[in-house]
Amino acid sequence: MSTSTQILGSIPVDPLTGAISVPIYQTATFVQEAPGINKGYDYSRSGNPTRATLETILAQLESGTTGLAFASGLAAIDTVLKLLKSGDEILAVDDIYGGAYRLFTKVYEKFGIKVNYVDTTDLEQVARAFTAGTRLVWLESPTNPTLKVSDIKAIAQLAHSNGALLCVDNTFASPVVQKPLELGADIVMHSATKYLGGHSDLIAGALVTRDEELGAQLKFLQNAGGNILGPFDSWLIIRGLETLTLRIKQQCASALAIAQYLEQHDAIESVYYPGLESHPNYETACRQQKGFGGIISFRLKEDTQEAAGLFLKQTRLFHLAESLGGVKSLCCLPCEMTHKSVPREKCLETGVTDGFIRLSVGLEETEDLIADLEQALQGLNHTVAAVVEESLAAC
């Protein structure tokens, strides 16, 4: 069965009214027949019919047993980390999302949880990085923002042989492109704000597990911590999922064409996109993904914040904003935006330099997006040339 058919088939018709759209149960509490006797719900923090429908759809979509929806992607990450205790260690991808890095280092390290960062595209480095205390491997593939792709199946085997869980942040790929649980991961995490919602109109997170017992542990932590997603936002994600496959297909196709265009442009130093044969992890991406995603990163030849800022101010269809995965194209400067909380030296180690730019490709026509980038790059060249000429004249 195709993913589109699976998604649409998993969204139920309301049995009470026949409504084709899932009802929004905008309620805090539920009337009980007698103390402790109810129709399956007692309080919306513990369970809500709209959220429960979304969680069931997410579990099916990621080939898991348990789905959980949270108030944000970071709330989902926070819940996974609560599986750990003082003295445990996390083995994490070095090119990590800035918000996850902040949570790991500024919150959980003070509770005695150590984090070891490693280039997860190098399996020998990963194998050497395990210690007796490693309990969780935290992986992004592709990573944010340099789009490194790691061998999920091999890392899952290493994690399990060392007594650790593997959690994969699947936000950039989406379940249309990649299903980490089928490759051996224990937990999949999503910032559902991005592709799952798809319209830049909500904040949400999601977890899906392979194992029912692990899912029950996370469900307990979700309820205990209260980091749940409200019914209206749950409904918005269900609505977004209805077009997920169509959106991802178009975004992947446009992103590949744009990456190919950028790769040959004389103002660009390097392009990061797993669908390019020049990408160092291209073969791994081909093996474990069904597409290459809608995110592209690149570095300008003039690798400065000033040049990057000039470029970003001149785009018209790519809007300068945080986030990604929506129907409108976005652009950002990671060193000053998504990765501002990561120390500069660590950013530079992973290739996130001052002139490093990230694009989120939306649903505008591909040729229009390329034309927008072309005019912005031409504007940048003209501005730089004018500055050089002015400096020479001053001398």
Protein backbone atom coordinates (compact mmCIF):
# COMPACT_ATOMS: atom_id res chain seq x y z
CA MET A 1 0.00 0.00 0.00
CA SER A 2 1.32 3.45 -0.86
CA THR A 3 2.04 5.96 1.90
CA SER A 4 -0.68 8.33 0.66
CA THR A 5 -3.29 5.59 0.73
CA GLN A 6 -2.06 4.43 4.15
CA ILE A 7 -2.34 7.92 5.63
CA LEU A 8 -5.80 8.61 4.24
CA GLY A 9 -7.00 5.14 5.23
CA SER A 10 -5.77 5.60 8.80
CA ILE A 11 -7.80 8.79 9.34
CA PRO A 12 -11.15 7.52 10.65
CA VAL A 13 -14.65 8.63 9.81
CA ASP A 14 -16.45 9.75 12.99
CA PRO A 15 -18.62 6.75 14.05
CA LEU A 16 -21.19 8.96 15.82
CA THR A 17 -21.99 11.39 13.01
CA GLY A 18 -20.24 10.11 9.89
CA ALA A 19 -18.12 13.28 9.73
CA ILE A 20 -15.31 12.81 7.20
CA SER A 21 -13.11 15.18 9.23
CA VAL A 22 -11.89 14.10 12.66
CA PRO A 23 -13.87 16.02 15.33
CA ILE A 24 -12.03 18.47 17.57
CA TYR A 25 -12.77 17.49 21.15
CA GLN A 26 -12.07 20.89 22.68
CA THR A 27 -12.64 19.83 26.26
CA ALA A 28 -10.63 19.64 29.47
CA THR A 29 -12.61 16.91 31.19
CA PHE A 30 -15.16 14.15 30.58
CA VAL A 31 -18.30 13.22 32.51
CA GLN A 32 -17.98 9.83 34.19
CA GLU A 33 -20.74 7.25 34.58
CA ALA A 34 -19.48 6.48 38.09
CA PRO A 35 -16.21 7.17 39.95
CA GLY A 36 -13.48 5.62 37.81
CA ILE A 37 -15.93 4.43 35.14
CA ASN A 38 -15.80 6.39 31.89
CA LYS A 39 -15.87 6.07 28.12
CA GLY A 40 -12.08 5.82 27.86
CA TYR A 41 -11.20 9.40 28.79
CA ASP A 42 -11.22 11.27 32.08
CA TYR A 43 -8.96 14.33 31.64
CA SER A 44 -7.44 15.74 28.47
CA ARG A 45 -3.86 15.79 29.77
CA SER A 46 -4.05 12.01 30.13
CA GLY A 47 -5.91 11.46 26.88
CA ASN A 48 -8.04 13.31 24.35
CA PRO A 49 -9.89 11.68 21.42
CA THR A 50 -8.51 14.10 18.81
CA ARG A 51 -4.94 13.67 20.06
CA ALA A 52 -5.41 9.92 20.36
CA THR A 53 -6.44 9.75 16.71
CA LEU A 54 -3.33 11.66 15.69
CA GLU A 55 -1.11 9.46 17.85
CA THR A 56 -2.56 6.32 16.25
CA ILE A 57 -1.97 7.73 12.75
CA LEU A 58 1.64 8.64 13.64
CA ALA A 59 2.34 5.14 14.99
CA GLN A 60 1.04 3.55 11.78
CA LEU A 61 2.90 6.03 9.58
CA GLU A 62 6.25 5.27 11.26
CA SER A 63 5.62 1.50 11.48
CA GLY A 64 5.56 1.67 15.27
CA THR A 65 3.33 0.51 18.12
CA THR A 66 2.91 3.71 20.15
CA GLY A 67 2.59 7.31 19.01
CA LEU A 68 2.69 10.35 21.29
CA ALA A 69 2.03 14.00 20.46
CA PHE A 70 3.67 16.84 22.38
CA ALA A 71 3.48 20.61 22.71
CA SER A 72 6.78 21.00 20.79
CA GLY A 73 9.65 19.02 19.35
CA LEU A 74 11.77 19.98 22.35
CA ALA A 75 9.04 18.73 24.69
CA ALA A 76 9.30 15.38 22.90
CA ILE A 77 13.10 15.35 23.25
CA ASP A 78 12.79 16.30 26.93
CA THR A 79 10.50 13.32 27.51
CA VAL A 80 12.99 10.90 25.95
CA LEU A 81 15.77 12.26 28.18
CA LYS A 82 13.63 11.58 31.24
CA LEU A 83 14.18 7.88 30.58
CA LEU A 84 17.74 8.48 31.84
CA LYS A 85 19.13 8.92 35.32
CA SER A 86 22.15 10.63 36.85
CA GLY A 87 25.35 8.94 35.69
CA ASP A 88 23.94 7.83 32.35
CA GLU A 89 25.57 9.02 29.13
CA ILE A 90 24.26 10.09 25.74
CA LEU A 91 26.20 9.49 22.54
CA ALA A 92 24.98 12.28 20.25
CA VAL A 93 25.55 13.34 16.67
CA ASP A 94 28.05 16.22 16.59
CA ASP A 95 26.13 18.26 14.00
CA ILE A 96 23.12 18.63 16.27
CA TYR A 97 20.13 20.97 16.25
CA GLY A 98 20.86 23.99 18.44
CA GLY A 99 17.78 23.54 20.62
CA ALA A 100 18.69 19.93 21.40
CA TYR A 101 22.27 20.98 22.18
CA ARG A 102 20.98 23.66 24.57
CA LEU A 103 18.69 21.17 26.32
CA PHE A 104 21.45 18.56 26.63
CA THR A 105 24.15 20.91 27.91
CA LYS A 106 22.29 23.61 29.84
CA VAL A 107 19.64 21.44 31.47
CA TYR A 108 20.49 17.75 31.64
CA GLU A 109 24.25 17.91 32.16
CA LYS A 110 23.67 19.62 35.51
CA PHE A 111 21.66 16.56 36.56
CA GLY A 112 24.70 14.36 35.99
CA ILE A 113 23.93 13.15 32.46
CA LYS A 114 27.03 13.35 30.26
CA VAL A 115 26.86 13.92 26.52
CA ASN A 116 29.56 12.70 24.12
CA TYR A 117 29.40 14.17 20.61
CA VAL A 118 30.70 12.21 17.63
CA ASP A 119 30.61 12.28 13.84
CA THR A 120 27.99 9.57 13.35
CA THR A 121 28.81 9.18 9.64
CA ASP A 122 32.05 7.45 10.77
CA LEU A 123 31.04 4.08 12.19
CA GLU A 124 34.49 3.46 13.65
CA GLN A 125 34.24 6.70 15.64
CA VAL A 126 30.76 5.72 16.81
CA ALA A 127 31.95 2.27 17.96
CA ARG A 128 34.85 3.80 19.91
CA ALA A 129 32.63 6.42 21.54
CA PHE A 130 30.51 3.96 23.54
CA THR A 131 31.28 3.71 27.25
CA ALA A 132 29.92 1.56 30.05
CA GLY A 133 27.54 4.42 30.85
CA THR A 134 26.07 4.96 27.36
CA ARG A 135 22.31 4.47 27.55
CA LEU A 136 21.04 6.54 24.63
CA VAL A 137 22.27 7.28 21.11
CA TRP A 138 20.83 10.51 19.74
CA LEU A 139 20.90 10.67 15.97
CA GLU A 140 19.72 13.14 13.35
CA SER A 141 19.78 11.90 9.77
CA PRO A 142 19.90 14.06 7.75
CA THR A 143 21.40 16.46 10.26
CA ASN A 144 20.51 20.08 10.86
CA PRO A 145 21.97 22.02 9.11
CA THR A 146 24.82 20.30 7.23
CA LEU A 147 22.64 17.39 6.07
CA LYS A 148 24.99 14.57 6.98
CA VAL A 149 23.42 11.14 6.55
CA SER A 150 24.30 8.32 8.95
CA ASP A 151 23.81 4.57 8.57
CA ILE A 152 20.84 4.05 10.89
CA LYS A 153 20.80 0.26 10.63
CA ALA A 154 24.49 -0.08 11.52
CA ILE A 155 24.24 2.42 14.39
CA ALA A 156 21.17 0.61 15.75
CA GLN A 157 23.17 -2.61 15.86
CA LEU A 158 26.02 -0.85 17.68
CA ALA A 159 23.62 0.75 20.16
CA HIS A 160 21.87 -2.49 20.99
CA SER A 161 25.11 -4.44 21.35
CA ASN A 162 26.18 -1.83 23.91
CA GLY A 163 22.91 -1.88 25.84
CA ALA A 164 21.71 1.52 24.58
CA LEU A 165 18.55 2.81 22.93
CA LEU A 166 18.66 4.56 19.57
CA CYS A 167 16.45 7.61 19.03
CA VAL A 168 16.40 9.13 15.55
CA ASP A 169 15.24 12.66 14.85
CA ASN A 170 13.42 12.08 11.57
CA THR A 171 12.22 15.66 11.13
CA PHE A 172 14.21 16.48 7.99
CA ALA A 173 13.39 13.25 6.18
CA SER A 174 9.76 12.69 7.28
CA PRO A 175 8.23 9.20 7.27
CA VAL A 176 7.57 9.59 3.53
CA VAL A 177 11.31 9.57 2.87
CA GLN A 178 12.64 7.38 5.70
CA LYS A 179 11.35 5.05 8.43
CA PRO A 180 14.01 4.62 11.11
CA LEU A 181 12.05 2.04 13.14
CA GLU A 182 12.18 -0.30 10.15
CA LEU A 183 15.99 0.17 10.18
CA GLY A 184 16.29 -0.82 13.85
CA ALA A 185 15.79 2.43 15.79
CA ASP A 186 13.87 2.22 19.07
CA ILE A 187 12.32 5.71 19.05
CA VAL A 188 11.57 8.19 16.28
CA MET A 189 11.25 11.89 17.12
CA HIS A 190 9.69 14.64 15.02
CA SER A 191 9.35 18.33 15.29
CA ALA A 192 5.81 18.07 13.93
CA THR A 193 5.95 21.84 13.47
CA LYS A 194 7.80 21.11 10.24
CA TYR A 195 6.73 18.64 7.54
CA LEU A 196 4.02 16.78 9.45
CA GLY A 197 2.02 19.96 10.01
CA GLY A 198 3.39 21.47 6.84
CA HIS A 199 1.82 24.94 6.96
CA SER A 200 3.91 26.87 9.52
CA ASP A 201 0.83 27.41 11.68
CA LEU A 202 1.52 25.34 14.81
CA ILE A 203 4.19 24.13 17.22
CA ALA A 204 4.21 20.40 17.99
CA GLY A 205 6.38 17.35 18.57
CA ALA A 206 5.96 13.60 18.24
CA LEU A 207 7.49 10.34 19.39
CA VAL A 208 6.89 6.85 17.99
CA THR A 209 8.28 3.63 19.49
CA ARG A 210 8.80 0.14 18.20
CA ASP A 211 8.35 -1.56 21.56
CA GLU A 212 5.04 -1.34 23.44
CA GLU A 213 6.68 -1.37 26.88
CA LEU A 214 8.98 1.51 25.93
CA GLY A 215 5.96 3.30 24.52
CA ALA A 216 4.14 2.84 27.83
CA GLN A 217 7.10 4.34 29.71
CA LEU A 218 7.08 7.40 27.47
CA LYS A 219 3.29 7.66 27.75
CA PHE A 220 3.66 7.74 31.55
CA LEU A 221 6.29 10.48 31.29
CA GLN A 222 4.11 12.44 28.86
CA ASN A 223 1.22 12.38 31.31
CA ALA A 224 3.41 13.03 34.36
CA GLY A 225 5.16 15.98 32.73
CA GLY A 226 2.07 17.36 31.02
CA ASN A 227 3.83 18.20 27.74
CA ILE A 228 0.80 17.27 25.65
CA LEU A 229 -0.51 18.67 22.38
CA GLY A 230 -3.91 20.37 22.47
CA PRO A 231 -6.87 19.07 20.44
CA PHE A 232 -6.98 21.91 17.91
CA ASP A 233 -3.29 21.61 17.04
CA SER A 234 -3.71 17.82 16.90
CA TRP A 235 -6.45 18.36 14.33
CA LEU A 236 -4.24 20.74 12.33
CA ILE A 237 -1.54 18.06 12.07
CA ILE A 238 -4.10 15.45 10.99
CA ARG A 239 -5.18 17.85 8.27
CA GLY A 240 -1.54 18.44 7.29
CA LEU A 241 -0.85 14.71 7.08
CA GLU A 242 -3.52 14.34 4.41
CA THR A 243 -1.24 16.11 1.92
CA LEU A 244 2.14 15.06 3.36
CA THR A 245 3.13 12.72 0.54
CA LEU A 246 2.21 15.17 -2.22
CA ARG A 247 4.06 18.00 -0.49
CA ILE A 248 7.20 15.97 0.15
CA LYS A 249 7.38 14.69 -3.43
CA GLN A 250 7.22 18.22 -4.85
CA GLN A 251 9.66 19.63 -2.28
CA CYS A 252 12.16 16.84 -2.96
CA ALA A 253 11.96 17.39 -6.71
CA SER A 254 12.39 21.16 -6.40
CA ALA A 255 15.20 20.85 -3.86
CA LEU A 256 17.22 18.55 -6.12
CA ALA A 257 16.88 20.95 -9.07
CA ILE A 258 17.84 23.92 -6.88
CA ALA A 259 20.82 22.09 -5.39
CA GLN A 260 22.06 21.25 -8.90
CA TYR A 261 21.68 24.89 -9.89
CA LEU A 262 23.56 26.14 -6.82
CA GLU A 263 26.36 23.60 -7.27
CA GLN A 264 27.37 25.16 -10.59
CA HIS A 265 27.05 28.80 -9.50
CA ASP A 266 30.34 30.72 -9.28
CA ALA A 267 29.28 32.57 -6.08
CA ILE A 268 28.83 29.31 -4.15
CA GLU A 269 31.72 27.53 -2.45
CA SER A 270 29.92 24.29 -1.57
CA VAL A 271 26.41 22.81 -1.54
CA TYR A 272 25.08 20.34 1.02
CA TYR A 273 22.28 18.14 -0.28
CA PRO A 274 22.12 14.32 0.02
CA GLY A 275 20.73 14.00 -3.51
CA LEU A 276 23.92 15.31 -5.10
CA GLU A 277 26.46 12.69 -6.11
CA SER A 278 29.12 14.99 -4.69
CA HIS A 279 27.62 14.60 -1.20
CA PRO A 280 29.92 12.36 0.90
CA ASN A 281 26.95 10.32 2.20
CA TYR A 282 25.12 10.05 -1.13
CA GLU A 283 25.29 6.24 -1.26
CA THR A 284 23.99 5.89 2.30
CA ALA A 285 21.12 8.24 1.49
CA CYS A 286 20.25 6.24 -1.63
CA ARG A 287 20.25 3.04 0.38
CA GLN A 288 18.01 4.06 3.30
CA GLN A 289 15.91 6.94 1.95
CA LYS A 290 13.15 7.11 -0.68
CA GLY A 291 14.01 10.73 -1.49
CA PHE A 292 16.46 13.40 -0.44
CA GLY A 293 14.27 15.94 1.34
CA GLY A 294 13.40 19.59 0.88
CA ILE A 295 16.31 21.19 2.78
CA ILE A 296 19.46 22.53 1.11
CA SER A 297 22.43 24.21 2.76
CA PHE A 298 25.27 26.01 1.05
CA ARG A 299 28.30 28.18 1.79
CA LEU A 300 29.08 31.36 -0.08
CA LYS A 301 32.55 31.86 -1.50
CA GLU A 302 32.64 35.08 0.46
CA ASP A 303 32.20 33.24 3.75
CA THR A 304 31.12 36.14 5.95
CA GLN A 305 28.01 37.12 7.89
CA GLU A 306 27.93 40.37 5.96
CA ALA A 307 27.73 38.66 2.58
CA ALA A 308 25.23 36.09 3.84
CA GLY A 309 23.11 38.85 5.35
CA LEU A 310 23.09 40.80 2.08
CA PHE A 311 22.00 37.69 0.19
CA LEU A 312 19.24 36.83 2.65
CA LYS A 313 17.85 40.35 2.55
CA GLN A 314 17.51 40.20 -1.24
CA THR A 315 15.50 37.00 -1.60
CA ARG A 316 11.82 37.54 -2.38
CA LEU A 317 10.26 34.08 -2.39
CA PHE A 318 12.58 32.62 0.24
CA HIS A 319 11.42 34.37 3.42
CA LEU A 320 14.00 34.98 6.15
CA ALA A 321 12.60 33.07 9.13
CA GLU A 322 13.20 30.29 11.64
CA SER A 323 11.75 26.82 11.02
CA LEU A 324 11.30 24.76 7.86
CA GLY A 325 9.08 22.25 6.12
CA GLY A 326 6.13 24.52 5.29
CA VAL A 327 4.48 25.27 1.98
CA LYS A 328 6.26 28.63 1.75
CA SER A 329 10.02 28.63 1.12
CA LEU A 330 12.22 29.89 3.94
CA CYS A 331 15.88 30.79 4.37
CA CYS A 332 18.02 31.33 7.43
CA LEU A 333 21.54 31.96 8.71
CA PRO A 334 22.16 29.13 11.20
CA CYS A 335 25.07 30.79 13.04
CA GLU A 336 22.76 33.65 14.07
CA MET A 337 19.43 31.82 14.16
CA THR A 338 18.88 28.07 14.60
CA HIS A 339 22.36 27.43 16.07
CA LYS A 340 22.88 30.65 18.02
CA SER A 341 22.97 28.64 21.28
CA VAL A 342 25.81 26.42 19.99
CA PRO A 343 29.32 27.77 20.76
CA ARG A 344 30.97 29.30 17.72
CA GLU A 345 33.94 26.95 17.85
CA LYS A 346 31.63 23.92 17.79
CA CYS A 347 29.71 25.37 14.84
CA LEU A 348 32.95 25.89 12.93
CA GLU A 349 34.07 22.33 13.72
CA THR A 350 30.95 20.96 12.03
CA GLY A 351 31.14 23.34 9.06
CA VAL A 352 28.55 25.90 10.13
CA THR A 353 30.54 28.99 9.16
CA ASP A 354 29.47 32.63 8.99
CA GLY A 355 28.51 32.39 5.32
CA PHE A 356 26.61 29.11 5.72
CA ILE A 357 22.96 29.41 4.60
CA ARG A 358 20.04 26.98 4.93
CA LEU A 359 17.06 26.85 2.57
CA SER A 360 13.71 25.19 3.16
CA VAL A 361 12.10 24.57 -0.20
CA GLY A 362 8.35 25.11 -0.32
CA LEU A 363 5.70 24.55 -2.97
CA GLU A 364 6.35 27.53 -5.22
CA GLU A 365 7.25 26.60 -8.80
CA THR A 366 10.83 25.35 -9.07
CA GLU A 367 11.82 27.79 -11.82
CA ASP A 368 10.49 30.73 -9.79
CA LEU A 369 12.57 29.70 -6.77
CA ILE A 370 15.70 29.35 -8.90
CA ALA A 371 15.04 32.77 -10.44
CA ASP A 372 14.72 34.23 -6.94
CA LEU A 373 18.07 32.78 -5.90
CA GLU A 374 19.67 33.99 -9.11
CA GLN A 375 18.55 37.58 -8.62
CA ALA A 376 19.68 37.51 -4.98
CA LEU A 377 23.10 36.16 -5.93
CA GLN A 378 23.45 38.75 -8.70
CA GLY A 379 22.48 41.46 -6.23
CA LEU A 380 25.09 40.16 -3.81
CA ASN A 381 27.79 40.22 -6.50
CA HIS A 382 26.89 43.77 -7.51
CA THR A 383 26.93 44.92 -3.88
CA VAL A 384 30.28 43.28 -3.17
CA ALA A 385 31.77 44.74 -6.37
CA ALA A 386 30.52 48.21 -5.40
CA VAL A 387 32.06 47.89 -1.93
CA VAL A 388 35.42 46.79 -3.41
CA GLU A 389 35.36 49.67 -5.92
CA GLU A 390 34.56 52.15 -3.17
CA SER A 391 37.42 50.82 -1.04
CA LEU A 392 39.88 51.09 -3.92
CA ALA A 393 38.74 54.63 -4.63
CA ALA A 394 39.28 55.57 -0.99
CA CYS A 395 42.85 54.32 -1.19
